[in-house]
Amino acid sequence: ATIPGSGPGGRITKEDVLRAAEAPAAPAAAASNERVKMSPIARKLAQEYGIDAATVTGTGPGGRVTKDDILQVVEASKTAAAPAVAAELQAETIPLTGIRGRVAERMYESWNTIPRVTEVMHVDMSATVAFREAMLSQWEQQFGVRISLNDLITKAVAVALGRHPRLNATMGEREVRVHDQVNIGVAVNLDEGLIVPVVRQVDQKDLGQIARESRELAERARSGRLQLDDLSDGTFTITNLGTTGIDLFTPIINPPQVAILGVGMVQRRPVVVGDALAIRPSAYLCLVFDHRAVDGVPAARFLQELQQLLAKPQDYAL
């Protein structure tokens, strides 16, 4: 190709050569297309789409490349360039019916209608753990059932509720109903969802009765034999995730109740004793309450009461 010179007298300079080198070369396809037998429309389309007609098999007379031949190449290139359609995502559909549906409705209602507050206390459980270990054999002989830490906590909660009754309550339309009976719902996890059977008058029962009724209700829940009465009239709920290794969580209030206690795992942790650190069994207690019915200070006093009871289990468990 001829390089036009920009120097004196049309002389070709270094800049002219560099400029010519940087200029785009004429498309090879265009040069090739000039030598191929093809219709004017096909030639125009080939130039427009940058197709080398020499690579196209002509279907016209004498192997002439036609408009349709070029368009077929264009369509084929579009199909090849199109991204593969992603395989449909496989998923299992679980209908929100039965227990799962009722749990979903109640949790949605609770989350969207209750102004909740959470208070957390780290509680030294060493006295309760030691007391249970010392009394376990005697209790098994006396009650015929193995007393768990959760049974002791349930009894302590019942005593604390008797002393702080504003948390042993349910919400009405425009009222708070404070109850005389302490009926504690004990959350039971099923494959179908969470269910909360109620142990009635816990404050009036000994550890053996609490343990037996809790086990019986849990067994009936797992075998689908619970009656409506087993789920009615709860005034407070305890949910314990300690056996799953969970330290701390904030449960959702079970309406129309005004409070729920979440109990985390009892395990050995650093605890301040006087001016020193000691390694003792401890747990996090998470109280979630409805701020319409209970204020922060009364709720905190309930947790303090519970902490003191768990520090001296012999005062309420014998």
C-alpha atoms as a PDB file:
ATOM      1  CA  ALA A   1       0.000   0.000   0.000  1.00  0.00           C
ATOM      2  CA  THR A   2       1.165   3.516  -0.729  1.00  0.00           C
ATOM      3  CA  ILE A   3       1.986   5.619   2.325  1.00  0.00           C
ATOM      4  CA  PRO A   4       1.258   9.315   1.799  1.00  0.00           C
ATOM      5  CA  GLY A   5       4.180  11.472   2.895  1.00  0.00           C
ATOM      6  CA  SER A   6       3.699  14.465   5.129  1.00  0.00           C
ATOM      7  CA  GLY A   7       7.262  15.768   5.000  1.00  0.00           C
ATOM      8  CA  PRO A   8       8.736  18.483   2.750  1.00  0.00           C
ATOM      9  CA  GLY A   9       8.038  17.741  -0.907  1.00  0.00           C
ATOM     10  CA  GLY A  10       5.822  14.752   0.064  1.00  0.00           C
ATOM     11  CA  ARG A  11       8.643  12.986   1.826  1.00  0.00           C
ATOM     12  CA  ILE A  12       7.602   9.966   3.979  1.00  0.00           C
ATOM     13  CA  THR A  13       8.549  10.528   7.589  1.00  0.00           C
ATOM     14  CA  LYS A  14       8.904   8.164  10.552  1.00  0.00           C
ATOM     15  CA  GLU A  15       5.551   9.386  11.850  1.00  0.00           C
ATOM     16  CA  ASP A  16       3.908   8.533   8.492  1.00  0.00           C
ATOM     17  CA  VAL A  17       5.181   4.937   8.729  1.00  0.00           C
ATOM     18  CA  LEU A  18       4.023   4.517  12.349  1.00  0.00           C
ATOM     19  CA  ARG A  19       0.626   5.975  11.525  1.00  0.00           C
ATOM     20  CA  ALA A  20       0.228   3.575   8.617  1.00  0.00           C
ATOM     21  CA  ALA A  21       1.225   0.614  10.797  1.00  0.00           C
ATOM     22  CA  GLU A  22      -1.373   1.516  13.407  1.00  0.00           C
ATOM     23  CA  ALA A  23      -4.171   1.933  10.861  1.00  0.00           C
ATOM     24  CA  PRO A  24      -6.550  -1.112  10.737  1.00  0.00           C
ATOM     25  CA  ALA A  25      -5.979  -3.416   7.842  1.00  0.00           C
ATOM     26  CA  ALA A  26      -8.790  -3.937   5.364  1.00  0.00           C
ATOM     27  CA  PRO A  27     -10.898  -6.879   6.455  1.00  0.00           C
ATOM     28  CA  ALA A  28      -9.772 -10.114   4.881  1.00  0.00           C
ATOM     29  CA  ALA A  29     -13.362 -11.147   4.475  1.00  0.00           C
ATOM     30  CA  ALA A  30     -14.083  -8.139   2.252  1.00  0.00           C
ATOM     31  CA  ALA A  31     -11.170  -8.955  -0.082  1.00  0.00           C
ATOM     32  CA  SER A  32     -12.136 -12.597  -0.238  1.00  0.00           C
ATOM     33  CA  ASN A  33     -15.757 -11.776  -0.967  1.00  0.00           C
ATOM     34  CA  GLU A  34     -14.782  -9.857  -4.121  1.00  0.00           C
ATOM     35  CA  ARG A  35     -13.625 -13.163  -5.685  1.00  0.00           C
ATOM     36  CA  VAL A  36     -16.710 -15.227  -4.752  1.00  0.00           C
ATOM     37  CA  LYS A  37     -19.719 -15.568  -7.044  1.00  0.00           C
ATOM     38  CA  MET A  38     -22.654 -14.120  -5.064  1.00  0.00           C
ATOM     39  CA  SER A  39     -25.705 -11.925  -5.506  1.00  0.00           C
ATOM     40  CA  PRO A  40     -25.400  -8.208  -4.708  1.00  0.00           C
ATOM     41  CA  ILE A  41     -27.693  -8.558  -1.676  1.00  0.00           C
ATOM     42  CA  ALA A  42     -25.671 -11.521  -0.390  1.00  0.00           C
ATOM     43  CA  ARG A  43     -22.446  -9.553  -0.877  1.00  0.00           C
ATOM     44  CA  LYS A  44     -23.867  -6.609   1.091  1.00  0.00           C
ATOM     45  CA  LEU A  45     -25.032  -8.873   3.932  1.00  0.00           C
ATOM     46  CA  ALA A  46     -21.668 -10.654   4.060  1.00  0.00           C
ATOM     47  CA  GLN A  47     -19.884  -7.316   4.399  1.00  0.00           C
ATOM     48  CA  GLU A  48     -22.373  -6.116   7.020  1.00  0.00           C
ATOM     49  CA  TYR A  49     -21.921  -9.212   9.220  1.00  0.00           C
ATOM     50  CA  GLY A  50     -18.215  -9.689   8.504  1.00  0.00           C
ATOM     51  CA  ILE A  51     -18.702 -13.106   6.897  1.00  0.00           C
ATOM     52  CA  ASP A  52     -16.047 -14.599   4.619  1.00  0.00           C
ATOM     53  CA  ALA A  53     -18.163 -15.814   1.709  1.00  0.00           C
ATOM     54  CA  ALA A  54     -15.392 -18.237   0.666  1.00  0.00           C
ATOM     55  CA  THR A  55     -16.353 -20.328   3.685  1.00  0.00           C
ATOM     56  CA  VAL A  56     -20.047 -20.406   2.703  1.00  0.00           C
ATOM     57  CA  THR A  57     -21.435 -23.206   0.543  1.00  0.00           C
ATOM     58  CA  GLY A  58     -23.500 -21.570  -2.175  1.00  0.00           C
ATOM     59  CA  THR A  59     -26.842 -23.075  -3.101  1.00  0.00           C
ATOM     60  CA  GLY A  60     -27.526 -20.853  -6.111  1.00  0.00           C
ATOM     61  CA  PRO A  61     -26.911 -21.713  -9.787  1.00  0.00           C
ATOM     62  CA  GLY A  62     -23.314 -22.784 -10.319  1.00  0.00           C
ATOM     63  CA  GLY A  63     -22.594 -22.662  -6.567  1.00  0.00           C
ATOM     64  CA  ARG A  64     -23.470 -18.983  -6.337  1.00  0.00           C
ATOM     65  CA  VAL A  65     -23.814 -17.708  -2.739  1.00  0.00           C
ATOM     66  CA  THR A  66     -27.320 -16.352  -2.161  1.00  0.00           C
ATOM     67  CA  LYS A  67     -28.897 -14.087   0.425  1.00  0.00           C
ATOM     68  CA  ASP A  68     -30.415 -17.126   2.187  1.00  0.00           C
ATOM     69  CA  ASP A  69     -26.990 -18.794   2.422  1.00  0.00           C
ATOM     70  CA  ILE A  70     -25.590 -15.740   4.247  1.00  0.00           C
ATOM     71  CA  LEU A  71     -28.624 -15.469   6.550  1.00  0.00           C
ATOM     72  CA  GLN A  72     -28.291 -19.154   7.483  1.00  0.00           C
ATOM     73  CA  VAL A  73     -24.690 -18.538   8.535  1.00  0.00           C
ATOM     74  CA  VAL A  74     -25.805 -15.504  10.568  1.00  0.00           C
ATOM     75  CA  GLU A  75     -28.514 -17.504  12.380  1.00  0.00           C
ATOM     76  CA  ALA A  76     -26.146 -20.399  13.020  1.00  0.00           C
ATOM     77  CA  SER A  77     -23.602 -18.058  14.585  1.00  0.00           C
ATOM     78  CA  LYS A  78     -26.298 -16.550  16.842  1.00  0.00           C
ATOM     79  CA  THR A  79     -27.346 -19.998  18.044  1.00  0.00           C
ATOM     80  CA  ALA A  80     -23.752 -21.004  18.739  1.00  0.00           C
ATOM     81  CA  ALA A  81     -23.115 -17.805  20.688  1.00  0.00           C
ATOM     82  CA  ALA A  82     -26.279 -18.022  22.791  1.00  0.00           C
ATOM     83  CA  PRO A  83     -25.550 -18.950  26.438  1.00  0.00           C
ATOM     84  CA  ALA A  84     -26.667 -22.365  27.583  1.00  0.00           C
ATOM     85  CA  VAL A  85     -29.947 -22.268  29.468  1.00  0.00           C
ATOM     86  CA  ALA A  86     -29.324 -23.058  33.128  1.00  0.00           C
ATOM     87  CA  ALA A  87     -30.818 -26.293  34.326  1.00  0.00           C
ATOM     88  CA  GLU A  88     -33.952 -25.751  36.383  1.00  0.00           C
ATOM     89  CA  LEU A  89     -33.121 -25.550  40.102  1.00  0.00           C
ATOM     90  CA  GLN A  90     -34.408 -28.622  41.870  1.00  0.00           C
ATOM     91  CA  ALA A  91     -36.126 -28.079  45.232  1.00  0.00           C
ATOM     92  CA  GLU A  92     -38.392 -29.859  47.644  1.00  0.00           C
ATOM     93  CA  THR A  93     -41.672 -28.062  48.336  1.00  0.00           C
ATOM     94  CA  ILE A  94     -42.872 -28.255  51.936  1.00  0.00           C
ATOM     95  CA  PRO A  95     -46.478 -27.066  52.355  1.00  0.00           C
ATOM     96  CA  LEU A  96     -47.075 -24.862  55.398  1.00  0.00           C
ATOM     97  CA  THR A  97     -49.947 -26.946  56.690  1.00  0.00           C
ATOM     98  CA  GLY A  98     -50.751 -28.805  59.906  1.00  0.00           C
ATOM     99  CA  ILE A  99     -48.389 -28.136  62.806  1.00  0.00           C
ATOM    100  CA  ARG A 100     -45.847 -26.393  60.561  1.00  0.00           C
ATOM    101  CA  GLY A 101     -48.541 -24.054  59.256  1.00  0.00           C
ATOM    102  CA  ARG A 102     -49.839 -23.179  62.724  1.00  0.00           C
ATOM    103  CA  VAL A 103     -46.301 -22.549  63.977  1.00  0.00           C
ATOM    104  CA  ALA A 104     -45.642 -20.283  60.988  1.00  0.00           C
ATOM    105  CA  GLU A 105     -48.819 -18.279  61.615  1.00  0.00           C
ATOM    106  CA  ARG A 106     -48.124 -17.817  65.325  1.00  0.00           C
ATOM    107  CA  MET A 107     -44.485 -16.888  64.819  1.00  0.00           C
ATOM    108  CA  TYR A 108     -45.431 -14.386  62.101  1.00  0.00           C
ATOM    109  CA  GLU A 109     -48.077 -12.890  64.382  1.00  0.00           C
ATOM    110  CA  SER A 110     -45.635 -12.692  67.288  1.00  0.00           C
ATOM    111  CA  TRP A 111     -42.805 -11.151  65.265  1.00  0.00           C
ATOM    112  CA  ASN A 112     -45.007  -8.535  63.616  1.00  0.00           C
ATOM    113  CA  THR A 113     -47.265  -7.493  66.499  1.00  0.00           C
ATOM    114  CA  ILE A 114     -45.252  -7.737  69.738  1.00  0.00           C
ATOM    115  CA  PRO A 115     -42.781  -4.999  70.766  1.00  0.00           C
ATOM    116  CA  ARG A 116     -40.261  -7.370  72.315  1.00  0.00           C
ATOM    117  CA  VAL A 117     -37.204  -6.774  74.452  1.00  0.00           C
ATOM    118  CA  THR A 118     -34.448  -9.286  75.276  1.00  0.00           C
ATOM    119  CA  GLU A 119     -32.470  -9.372  78.510  1.00  0.00           C
ATOM    120  CA  VAL A 120     -29.573 -11.800  78.935  1.00  0.00           C
ATOM    121  CA  MET A 121     -27.927 -13.002  82.131  1.00  0.00           C
ATOM    122  CA  HIS A 122     -24.864 -15.224  82.524  1.00  0.00           C
ATOM    123  CA  VAL A 123     -25.685 -17.502  85.458  1.00  0.00           C
ATOM    124  CA  ASP A 124     -23.329 -19.629  87.564  1.00  0.00           C
ATOM    125  CA  MET A 125     -24.895 -23.102  87.502  1.00  0.00           C
ATOM    126  CA  SER A 126     -22.314 -24.866  89.677  1.00  0.00           C
ATOM    127  CA  ALA A 127     -24.593 -25.124  92.730  1.00  0.00           C
ATOM    128  CA  THR A 128     -27.479 -26.549  90.703  1.00  0.00           C
ATOM    129  CA  VAL A 129     -25.219 -29.021  88.873  1.00  0.00           C
ATOM    130  CA  ALA A 130     -23.593 -30.202  92.127  1.00  0.00           C
ATOM    131  CA  PHE A 131     -26.947 -30.432  93.925  1.00  0.00           C
ATOM    132  CA  ARG A 132     -28.435 -32.538  91.132  1.00  0.00           C
ATOM    133  CA  GLU A 133     -25.454 -34.904  91.104  1.00  0.00           C
ATOM    134  CA  ALA A 134     -25.671 -35.336  94.873  1.00  0.00           C
ATOM    135  CA  MET A 135     -29.441 -35.950  94.855  1.00  0.00           C
ATOM    136  CA  LEU A 136     -29.833 -37.896  91.611  1.00  0.00           C
ATOM    137  CA  SER A 137     -29.801 -41.394  93.106  1.00  0.00           C
ATOM    138  CA  GLN A 138     -32.162 -40.450  95.936  1.00  0.00           C
ATOM    139  CA  TRP A 139     -34.579 -38.764  93.542  1.00  0.00           C
ATOM    140  CA  GLU A 140     -34.643 -41.780  91.239  1.00  0.00           C
ATOM    141  CA  GLN A 141     -35.622 -43.973  94.186  1.00  0.00           C
ATOM    142  CA  GLN A 142     -38.113 -41.409  95.474  1.00  0.00           C
ATOM    143  CA  PHE A 143     -39.771 -40.378  92.200  1.00  0.00           C
ATOM    144  CA  GLY A 144     -38.991 -43.275  89.866  1.00  0.00           C
ATOM    145  CA  VAL A 145     -37.747 -40.863  87.206  1.00  0.00           C
ATOM    146  CA  ARG A 146     -34.402 -39.254  86.404  1.00  0.00           C
ATOM    147  CA  ILE A 147     -34.419 -35.542  87.246  1.00  0.00           C
ATOM    148  CA  SER A 148     -32.795 -33.353  84.579  1.00  0.00           C
ATOM    149  CA  LEU A 149     -31.266 -29.910  84.831  1.00  0.00           C
ATOM    150  CA  ASN A 150     -34.227 -28.640  82.832  1.00  0.00           C
ATOM    151  CA  ASP A 151     -36.609 -29.975  85.507  1.00  0.00           C
ATOM    152  CA  LEU A 152     -34.723 -28.003  88.157  1.00  0.00           C
ATOM    153  CA  ILE A 153     -34.748 -24.883  85.981  1.00  0.00           C
ATOM    154  CA  THR A 154     -38.488 -25.293  85.346  1.00  0.00           C
ATOM    155  CA  LYS A 155     -39.185 -25.510  89.071  1.00  0.00           C
ATOM    156  CA  ALA A 156     -36.990 -22.464  89.761  1.00  0.00           C
ATOM    157  CA  VAL A 157     -38.803 -20.500  87.037  1.00  0.00           C
ATOM    158  CA  ALA A 158     -42.169 -21.374  88.592  1.00  0.00           C
ATOM    159  CA  VAL A 159     -41.029 -20.102  91.997  1.00  0.00           C
ATOM    160  CA  ALA A 160     -39.627 -16.904  90.433  1.00  0.00           C
ATOM    161  CA  LEU A 161     -42.870 -16.307  88.531  1.00  0.00           C
ATOM    162  CA  GLY A 162     -44.811 -16.609  91.780  1.00  0.00           C
ATOM    163  CA  ARG A 163     -42.682 -13.775  93.163  1.00  0.00           C
ATOM    164  CA  HIS A 164     -42.814 -11.718  89.942  1.00  0.00           C
ATOM    165  CA  PRO A 165     -46.318 -12.394  88.620  1.00  0.00           C
ATOM    166  CA  ARG A 166     -46.324  -9.700  85.916  1.00  0.00           C
ATOM    167  CA  LEU A 167     -44.364 -12.133  83.743  1.00  0.00           C
ATOM    168  CA  ASN A 168     -46.876 -14.914  84.422  1.00  0.00           C
ATOM    169  CA  ALA A 169     -49.423 -13.228  82.200  1.00  0.00           C
ATOM    170  CA  THR A 170     -51.170 -13.093  78.829  1.00  0.00           C
ATOM    171  CA  MET A 171     -52.212 -10.174  76.623  1.00  0.00           C
ATOM    172  CA  GLY A 172     -55.864  -9.365  75.947  1.00  0.00           C
ATOM    173  CA  GLU A 173     -57.296  -6.860  73.484  1.00  0.00           C
ATOM    174  CA  ARG A 174     -56.478  -3.863  75.679  1.00  0.00           C
ATOM    175  CA  GLU A 175     -55.483  -5.552  78.924  1.00  0.00           C
ATOM    176  CA  VAL A 176     -52.881  -7.728  80.606  1.00  0.00           C
ATOM    177  CA  ARG A 177     -54.194 -10.781  82.451  1.00  0.00           C
ATOM    178  CA  VAL A 178     -51.962 -11.775  85.379  1.00  0.00           C
ATOM    179  CA  HIS A 179     -52.620 -15.418  86.299  1.00  0.00           C
ATOM    180  CA  ASP A 180     -52.687 -17.158  89.663  1.00  0.00           C
ATOM    181  CA  GLN A 181     -51.742 -20.552  88.219  1.00  0.00           C
ATOM    182  CA  VAL A 182     -48.224 -21.014  86.874  1.00  0.00           C
ATOM    183  CA  ASN A 183     -48.700 -23.108  83.728  1.00  0.00           C
ATOM    184  CA  ILE A 184     -45.380 -23.491  81.947  1.00  0.00           C
ATOM    185  CA  GLY A 185     -45.141 -24.467  78.300  1.00  0.00           C
ATOM    186  CA  VAL A 186     -42.136 -26.676  77.578  1.00  0.00           C
ATOM    187  CA  ALA A 187     -41.118 -26.442  73.918  1.00  0.00           C
ATOM    188  CA  VAL A 188     -40.699 -29.788  72.116  1.00  0.00           C
ATOM    189  CA  ASN A 189     -39.066 -29.967  68.693  1.00  0.00           C
ATOM    190  CA  LEU A 190     -40.687 -32.294  66.146  1.00  0.00           C
ATOM    191  CA  ASP A 191     -39.838 -32.944  62.497  1.00  0.00           C
ATOM    192  CA  GLU A 192     -43.123 -31.220  61.621  1.00  0.00           C
ATOM    193  CA  GLY A 193     -42.349 -28.144  63.727  1.00  0.00           C
ATOM    194  CA  LEU A 194     -42.184 -26.789  67.256  1.00  0.00           C
ATOM    195  CA  ILE A 195     -44.969 -27.652  69.693  1.00  0.00           C
ATOM    196  CA  VAL A 196     -45.451 -26.400  73.261  1.00  0.00           C
ATOM    197  CA  PRO A 197     -47.353 -28.718  75.627  1.00  0.00           C
ATOM    198  CA  VAL A 198     -48.172 -27.214  79.021  1.00  0.00           C
ATOM    199  CA  VAL A 199     -47.267 -28.482  82.496  1.00  0.00           C
ATOM    200  CA  ARG A 200     -49.973 -27.038  84.755  1.00  0.00           C
ATOM    201  CA  GLN A 201     -49.572 -25.587  88.234  1.00  0.00           C
ATOM    202  CA  VAL A 202     -45.833 -26.127  88.227  1.00  0.00           C
ATOM    203  CA  ASP A 203     -45.431 -24.053  91.393  1.00  0.00           C
ATOM    204  CA  GLN A 204     -47.584 -26.591  93.269  1.00  0.00           C
ATOM    205  CA  LYS A 205     -45.701 -29.698  92.077  1.00  0.00           C
ATOM    206  CA  ASP A 206     -42.530 -31.406  93.211  1.00  0.00           C
ATOM    207  CA  LEU A 207     -39.626 -32.265  90.931  1.00  0.00           C
ATOM    208  CA  GLY A 208     -40.867 -35.804  90.365  1.00  0.00           C
ATOM    209  CA  GLN A 209     -44.270 -34.635  89.119  1.00  0.00           C
ATOM    210  CA  ILE A 210     -42.682 -32.002  86.886  1.00  0.00           C
ATOM    211  CA  ALA A 211     -40.255 -34.544  85.408  1.00  0.00           C
ATOM    212  CA  ARG A 212     -42.919 -37.217  84.786  1.00  0.00           C
ATOM    213  CA  GLU A 213     -45.417 -34.828  83.219  1.00  0.00           C
ATOM    214  CA  SER A 214     -42.756 -33.207  81.023  1.00  0.00           C
ATOM    215  CA  ARG A 215     -41.629 -36.634  79.741  1.00  0.00           C
ATOM    216  CA  GLU A 216     -45.206 -37.816  79.175  1.00  0.00           C
ATOM    217  CA  LEU A 217     -46.148 -34.660  77.275  1.00  0.00           C
ATOM    218  CA  ALA A 218     -43.009 -34.843  75.131  1.00  0.00           C
ATOM    219  CA  GLU A 219     -43.695 -38.508  74.339  1.00  0.00           C
ATOM    220  CA  ARG A 220     -47.322 -37.788  73.420  1.00  0.00           C
ATOM    221  CA  ALA A 221     -46.142 -34.908  71.233  1.00  0.00           C
ATOM    222  CA  ARG A 222     -43.703 -37.154  69.336  1.00  0.00           C
ATOM    223  CA  SER A 223     -46.312 -39.885  68.870  1.00  0.00           C
ATOM    224  CA  GLY A 224     -49.050 -37.453  67.810  1.00  0.00           C
ATOM    225  CA  ARG A 225     -51.282 -38.175  70.808  1.00  0.00           C
ATOM    226  CA  LEU A 226     -51.529 -34.688  72.319  1.00  0.00           C
ATOM    227  CA  GLN A 227     -54.994 -33.367  73.122  1.00  0.00           C
ATOM    228  CA  LEU A 228     -56.095 -29.749  72.823  1.00  0.00           C
ATOM    229  CA  ASP A 229     -56.031 -29.404  76.624  1.00  0.00           C
ATOM    230  CA  ASP A 230     -52.334 -30.344  76.604  1.00  0.00           C
ATOM    231  CA  LEU A 231     -51.592 -27.204  74.595  1.00  0.00           C
ATOM    232  CA  SER A 232     -53.960 -24.760  76.297  1.00  0.00           C
ATOM    233  CA  ASP A 233     -53.737 -22.182  79.089  1.00  0.00           C
ATOM    234  CA  GLY A 234     -49.965 -21.707  79.143  1.00  0.00           C
ATOM    235  CA  THR A 235     -48.848 -18.610  81.043  1.00  0.00           C
ATOM    236  CA  PHE A 236     -45.078 -18.736  80.324  1.00  0.00           C
ATOM    237  CA  THR A 237     -42.782 -20.775  78.063  1.00  0.00           C
ATOM    238  CA  ILE A 238     -39.305 -22.268  78.486  1.00  0.00           C
ATOM    239  CA  THR A 239     -37.291 -23.374  75.465  1.00  0.00           C
ATOM    240  CA  ASN A 240     -33.976 -25.108  76.113  1.00  0.00           C
ATOM    241  CA  LEU A 241     -31.392 -25.603  73.344  1.00  0.00           C
ATOM    242  CA  GLY A 242     -28.640 -26.660  75.718  1.00  0.00           C
ATOM    243  CA  THR A 243     -28.468 -30.213  74.392  1.00  0.00           C
ATOM    244  CA  THR A 244     -27.715 -28.880  70.885  1.00  0.00           C
ATOM    245  CA  GLY A 245     -24.620 -26.945  71.978  1.00  0.00           C
ATOM    246  CA  ILE A 246     -26.199 -23.497  71.573  1.00  0.00           C
ATOM    247  CA  ASP A 247     -24.855 -20.911  74.028  1.00  0.00           C
ATOM    248  CA  LEU A 248     -27.183 -18.000  73.416  1.00  0.00           C
ATOM    249  CA  PHE A 249     -30.363 -17.335  71.437  1.00  0.00           C
ATOM    250  CA  THR A 250     -33.423 -15.077  71.475  1.00  0.00           C
ATOM    251  CA  PRO A 251     -36.652 -17.091  71.230  1.00  0.00           C
ATOM    252  CA  ILE A 252     -39.911 -15.693  69.874  1.00  0.00           C
ATOM    253  CA  ILE A 253     -42.738 -15.071  72.353  1.00  0.00           C
ATOM    254  CA  ASN A 254     -45.588 -17.578  72.220  1.00  0.00           C
ATOM    255  CA  PRO A 255     -48.697 -15.337  72.038  1.00  0.00           C
ATOM    256  CA  PRO A 256     -50.805 -14.432  73.961  1.00  0.00           C
ATOM    257  CA  GLN A 257     -48.130 -15.000  76.635  1.00  0.00           C
ATOM    258  CA  VAL A 258     -45.994 -11.985  77.516  1.00  0.00           C
ATOM    259  CA  ALA A 259     -42.633 -13.704  78.031  1.00  0.00           C
ATOM    260  CA  ILE A 260     -40.440 -16.662  77.129  1.00  0.00           C
ATOM    261  CA  LEU A 261     -37.136 -17.902  78.576  1.00  0.00           C
ATOM    262  CA  GLY A 262     -34.407 -19.295  76.336  1.00  0.00           C
ATOM    263  CA  VAL A 263     -31.893 -21.547  78.133  1.00  0.00           C
ATOM    264  CA  GLY A 264     -28.491 -22.145  76.567  1.00  0.00           C
ATOM    265  CA  MET A 265     -25.982 -24.932  77.105  1.00  0.00           C
ATOM    266  CA  VAL A 266     -24.626 -25.494  80.608  1.00  0.00           C
ATOM    267  CA  GLN A 267     -20.851 -25.788  80.229  1.00  0.00           C
ATOM    268  CA  ARG A 268     -17.659 -24.861  82.046  1.00  0.00           C
ATOM    269  CA  ARG A 269     -16.791 -21.187  81.552  1.00  0.00           C
ATOM    270  CA  PRO A 270     -14.789 -18.511  83.391  1.00  0.00           C
ATOM    271  CA  VAL A 271     -16.861 -17.043  86.241  1.00  0.00           C
ATOM    272  CA  VAL A 272     -15.851 -14.195  88.554  1.00  0.00           C
ATOM    273  CA  VAL A 273     -15.859 -15.388  92.189  1.00  0.00           C
ATOM    274  CA  GLY A 274     -14.952 -12.559  94.538  1.00  0.00           C
ATOM    275  CA  ASP A 275     -11.832 -11.005  93.065  1.00  0.00           C
ATOM    276  CA  ALA A 276     -10.724 -14.125  91.208  1.00  0.00           C
ATOM    277  CA  LEU A 277     -11.649 -16.096  88.130  1.00  0.00           C
ATOM    278  CA  ALA A 278     -12.902 -19.653  88.460  1.00  0.00           C
ATOM    279  CA  ILE A 279     -13.937 -22.234  85.878  1.00  0.00           C
ATOM    280  CA  ARG A 280     -17.493 -23.302  86.686  1.00  0.00           C
ATOM    281  CA  PRO A 281     -20.586 -24.669  84.950  1.00  0.00           C
ATOM    282  CA  SER A 282     -22.637 -21.736  83.718  1.00  0.00           C
ATOM    283  CA  ALA A 283     -25.414 -20.907  81.267  1.00  0.00           C
ATOM    284  CA  TYR A 284     -26.901 -17.927  79.478  1.00  0.00           C
ATOM    285  CA  LEU A 285     -30.553 -17.209  80.279  1.00  0.00           C
ATOM    286  CA  CYS A 286     -32.335 -15.072  77.664  1.00  0.00           C
ATOM    287  CA  LEU A 287     -35.630 -13.519  78.714  1.00  0.00           C
ATOM    288  CA  VAL A 288     -37.716 -12.106  75.854  1.00  0.00           C
ATOM    289  CA  PHE A 289     -40.766 -10.130  76.968  1.00  0.00           C
ATOM    290  CA  ASP A 290     -43.589  -7.994  75.597  1.00  0.00           C
ATOM    291  CA  HIS A 291     -42.793  -4.381  76.474  1.00  0.00           C
ATOM    292  CA  ARG A 292     -46.508  -3.521  76.467  1.00  0.00           C
ATOM    293  CA  ALA A 293     -46.969  -5.721  79.533  1.00  0.00           C
ATOM    294  CA  VAL A 294     -43.591  -5.624  81.285  1.00  0.00           C
ATOM    295  CA  ASP A 295     -40.897  -2.978  81.662  1.00  0.00           C
ATOM    296  CA  GLY A 296     -37.172  -3.595  81.666  1.00  0.00           C
ATOM    297  CA  VAL A 297     -36.526  -3.291  85.410  1.00  0.00           C
ATOM    298  CA  PRO A 298     -39.250  -5.752  86.559  1.00  0.00           C
ATOM    299  CA  ALA A 299     -38.015  -8.221  83.929  1.00  0.00           C
ATOM    300  CA  ALA A 300     -34.444  -7.808  85.186  1.00  0.00           C
ATOM    301  CA  ARG A 301     -35.576  -8.436  88.755  1.00  0.00           C
ATOM    302  CA  PHE A 302     -37.200 -11.675  87.637  1.00  0.00           C
ATOM    303  CA  LEU A 303     -33.871 -12.802  86.144  1.00  0.00           C
ATOM    304  CA  GLN A 304     -32.060 -11.797  89.334  1.00  0.00           C
ATOM    305  CA  GLU A 305     -34.548 -13.859  91.351  1.00  0.00           C
ATOM    306  CA  LEU A 306     -33.993 -16.833  89.074  1.00  0.00           C
ATOM    307  CA  GLN A 307     -30.223 -16.463  89.392  1.00  0.00           C
ATOM    308  CA  GLN A 308     -30.474 -16.485  93.198  1.00  0.00           C
ATOM    309  CA  LEU A 309     -32.725 -19.554  93.174  1.00  0.00           C
ATOM    310  CA  LEU A 310     -30.317 -21.470  90.941  1.00  0.00           C
ATOM    311  CA  ALA A 311     -27.501 -20.568  93.341  1.00  0.00           C
ATOM    312  CA  LYS A 312     -29.421 -22.235  96.221  1.00  0.00           C
ATOM    313  CA  PRO A 313     -31.454 -25.085  94.696  1.00  0.00           C
ATOM    314  CA  GLN A 314     -32.039 -26.725  98.076  1.00  0.00           C
ATOM    315  CA  ASP A 315     -34.334 -23.792  98.956  1.00  0.00           C
ATOM    316  CA  TYR A 316     -36.917 -24.717  96.312  1.00  0.00           C
ATOM    317  CA  ALA A 317     -36.174 -28.289  95.195  1.00  0.00           C
ATOM    318  CA  LEU A 318     -36.615 -30.180  98.477  1.00  0.00           C
END
